[in-house]
Amino acid sequence: MDHQWQAALLRHLLTGVWELPAPHIPPRPAVGRSAPPPAPSPDELAQRFVQYQDEQAVLGRFISLAQAGSEYLQFNS
């Protein structure tokens, strides 16, 4: 346990205040601007769109089932 944590623990025991020491984050090295990522191909875009539609359909079915279950519980309880 380093001295910052020991000081924080002692301060907590004496005052009841728990303040964690800020983590040390080393500065990032200066790097020049990187090139933007390459644009996806039309086939990849089409595949992503189909996957998105599939996910939306599954989500819609899940919401419908949840609503039906909620209505069932309301009317049968």
C-alpha atoms as a PDB file:
ATOM      1  CA  MET A   1       0.000   0.000   0.000  1.00  0.00           C
ATOM      2  CA  ASP A   2       1.583   3.285  -1.043  1.00  0.00           C
ATOM      3  CA  HIS A   3       1.585   6.445   1.044  1.00  0.00           C
ATOM      4  CA  GLN A   4      -1.424   7.991  -0.753  1.00  0.00           C
ATOM      5  CA  TRP A   5      -3.613   5.031   0.163  1.00  0.00           C
ATOM      6  CA  GLN A   6      -2.281   4.998   3.718  1.00  0.00           C
ATOM      7  CA  ALA A   7      -3.082   8.708   4.054  1.00  0.00           C
ATOM      8  CA  ALA A   8      -6.573   8.154   2.641  1.00  0.00           C
ATOM      9  CA  LEU A   9      -7.202   5.293   5.072  1.00  0.00           C
ATOM     10  CA  LEU A  10      -5.938   7.314   8.035  1.00  0.00           C
ATOM     11  CA  ARG A  11      -8.079  10.296   6.993  1.00  0.00           C
ATOM     12  CA  HIS A  12     -11.103   7.975   6.757  1.00  0.00           C
ATOM     13  CA  LEU A  13     -10.460   6.528  10.220  1.00  0.00           C
ATOM     14  CA  LEU A  14     -10.026   9.969  11.789  1.00  0.00           C
ATOM     15  CA  THR A  15     -12.751  11.952   9.994  1.00  0.00           C
ATOM     16  CA  GLY A  16     -15.099   9.377   8.501  1.00  0.00           C
ATOM     17  CA  VAL A  17     -14.505  10.858   5.050  1.00  0.00           C
ATOM     18  CA  TRP A  18     -13.443   8.387   2.394  1.00  0.00           C
ATOM     19  CA  GLU A  19     -11.617  10.015  -0.503  1.00  0.00           C
ATOM     20  CA  LEU A  20      -9.660   7.790  -2.789  1.00  0.00           C
ATOM     21  CA  PRO A  21      -6.470   9.207  -4.183  1.00  0.00           C
ATOM     22  CA  ALA A  22      -6.666  10.066  -7.851  1.00  0.00           C
ATOM     23  CA  PRO A  23      -5.079   7.412 -10.029  1.00  0.00           C
ATOM     24  CA  HIS A  24      -1.875   8.370 -11.734  1.00  0.00           C
ATOM     25  CA  ILE A  25      -2.471   8.445 -15.462  1.00  0.00           C
ATOM     26  CA  PRO A  26       0.715   8.972 -17.427  1.00  0.00           C
ATOM     27  CA  PRO A  27       0.460  11.535 -20.217  1.00  0.00           C
ATOM     28  CA  ARG A  28      -0.087  10.167 -23.683  1.00  0.00           C
ATOM     29  CA  PRO A  29       2.787  10.572 -26.071  1.00  0.00           C
ATOM     30  CA  ALA A  30       2.269  13.210 -28.713  1.00  0.00           C
ATOM     31  CA  VAL A  31       1.384  11.522 -31.959  1.00  0.00           C
ATOM     32  CA  GLY A  32       0.588  13.101 -35.290  1.00  0.00           C
ATOM     33  CA  ARG A  33      -2.864  12.851 -36.776  1.00  0.00           C
ATOM     34  CA  SER A  34      -3.593   9.392 -37.999  1.00  0.00           C
ATOM     35  CA  ALA A  35      -5.438   8.690 -41.198  1.00  0.00           C
ATOM     36  CA  PRO A  36      -9.165   7.997 -40.911  1.00  0.00           C
ATOM     37  CA  PRO A  37     -10.163   4.356 -41.124  1.00  0.00           C
ATOM     38  CA  PRO A  38     -10.956   3.118 -44.618  1.00  0.00           C
ATOM     39  CA  ALA A  39     -14.586   3.344 -45.691  1.00  0.00           C
ATOM     40  CA  PRO A  40     -16.464   0.036 -45.547  1.00  0.00           C
ATOM     41  CA  SER A  41     -17.182  -1.690 -48.824  1.00  0.00           C
ATOM     42  CA  PRO A  42     -20.735  -1.687 -50.224  1.00  0.00           C
ATOM     43  CA  ASP A  43     -21.000  -5.418 -49.449  1.00  0.00           C
ATOM     44  CA  GLU A  44     -20.010  -4.812 -45.837  1.00  0.00           C
ATOM     45  CA  LEU A  45     -22.544  -1.976 -45.548  1.00  0.00           C
ATOM     46  CA  ALA A  46     -25.274  -4.208 -46.945  1.00  0.00           C
ATOM     47  CA  GLN A  47     -24.327  -6.971 -44.497  1.00  0.00           C
ATOM     48  CA  ARG A  48     -24.417  -4.516 -41.569  1.00  0.00           C
ATOM     49  CA  PHE A  49     -27.826  -3.245 -42.660  1.00  0.00           C
ATOM     50  CA  VAL A  50     -29.280  -6.769 -42.857  1.00  0.00           C
ATOM     51  CA  GLN A  51     -27.840  -7.554 -39.418  1.00  0.00           C
ATOM     52  CA  TYR A  52     -29.343  -4.315 -38.056  1.00  0.00           C
ATOM     53  CA  GLN A  53     -32.760  -5.231 -39.483  1.00  0.00           C
ATOM     54  CA  ASP A  54     -32.531  -8.710 -37.945  1.00  0.00           C
ATOM     55  CA  GLU A  55     -31.615  -7.250 -34.551  1.00  0.00           C
ATOM     56  CA  GLN A  56     -34.507  -4.772 -34.745  1.00  0.00           C
ATOM     57  CA  ALA A  57     -36.930  -7.577 -35.617  1.00  0.00           C
ATOM     58  CA  VAL A  58     -35.767  -9.669 -32.647  1.00  0.00           C
ATOM     59  CA  LEU A  59     -36.011  -6.659 -30.356  1.00  0.00           C
ATOM     60  CA  GLY A  60     -39.532  -5.923 -31.641  1.00  0.00           C
ATOM     61  CA  ARG A  61     -40.616  -9.514 -30.962  1.00  0.00           C
ATOM     62  CA  PHE A  62     -39.140  -9.374 -27.465  1.00  0.00           C
ATOM     63  CA  ILE A  63     -40.985  -6.122 -26.689  1.00  0.00           C
ATOM     64  CA  SER A  64     -44.256  -7.584 -28.011  1.00  0.00           C
ATOM     65  CA  LEU A  65     -43.835 -10.673 -25.826  1.00  0.00           C
ATOM     66  CA  ALA A  66     -43.028  -8.544 -22.790  1.00  0.00           C
ATOM     67  CA  GLN A  67     -46.119  -6.382 -23.360  1.00  0.00           C
ATOM     68  CA  ALA A  68     -48.318  -9.460 -23.846  1.00  0.00           C
ATOM     69  CA  GLY A  69     -46.933 -10.992 -20.653  1.00  0.00           C
ATOM     70  CA  SER A  70     -47.553  -7.781 -18.749  1.00  0.00           C
ATOM     71  CA  GLU A  71     -51.154  -7.594 -19.981  1.00  0.00           C
ATOM     72  CA  TYR A  72     -51.681 -11.256 -19.110  1.00  0.00           C
ATOM     73  CA  LEU A  73     -50.452 -10.683 -15.575  1.00  0.00           C
ATOM     74  CA  GLN A  74     -52.619  -7.577 -15.152  1.00  0.00           C
ATOM     75  CA  PHE A  75     -55.827  -9.295 -16.237  1.00  0.00           C
ATOM     76  CA  ASN A  76     -55.202 -12.653 -14.555  1.00  0.00           C
ATOM     77  CA  SER A  77     -54.113 -11.564 -11.125  1.00  0.00           C
END
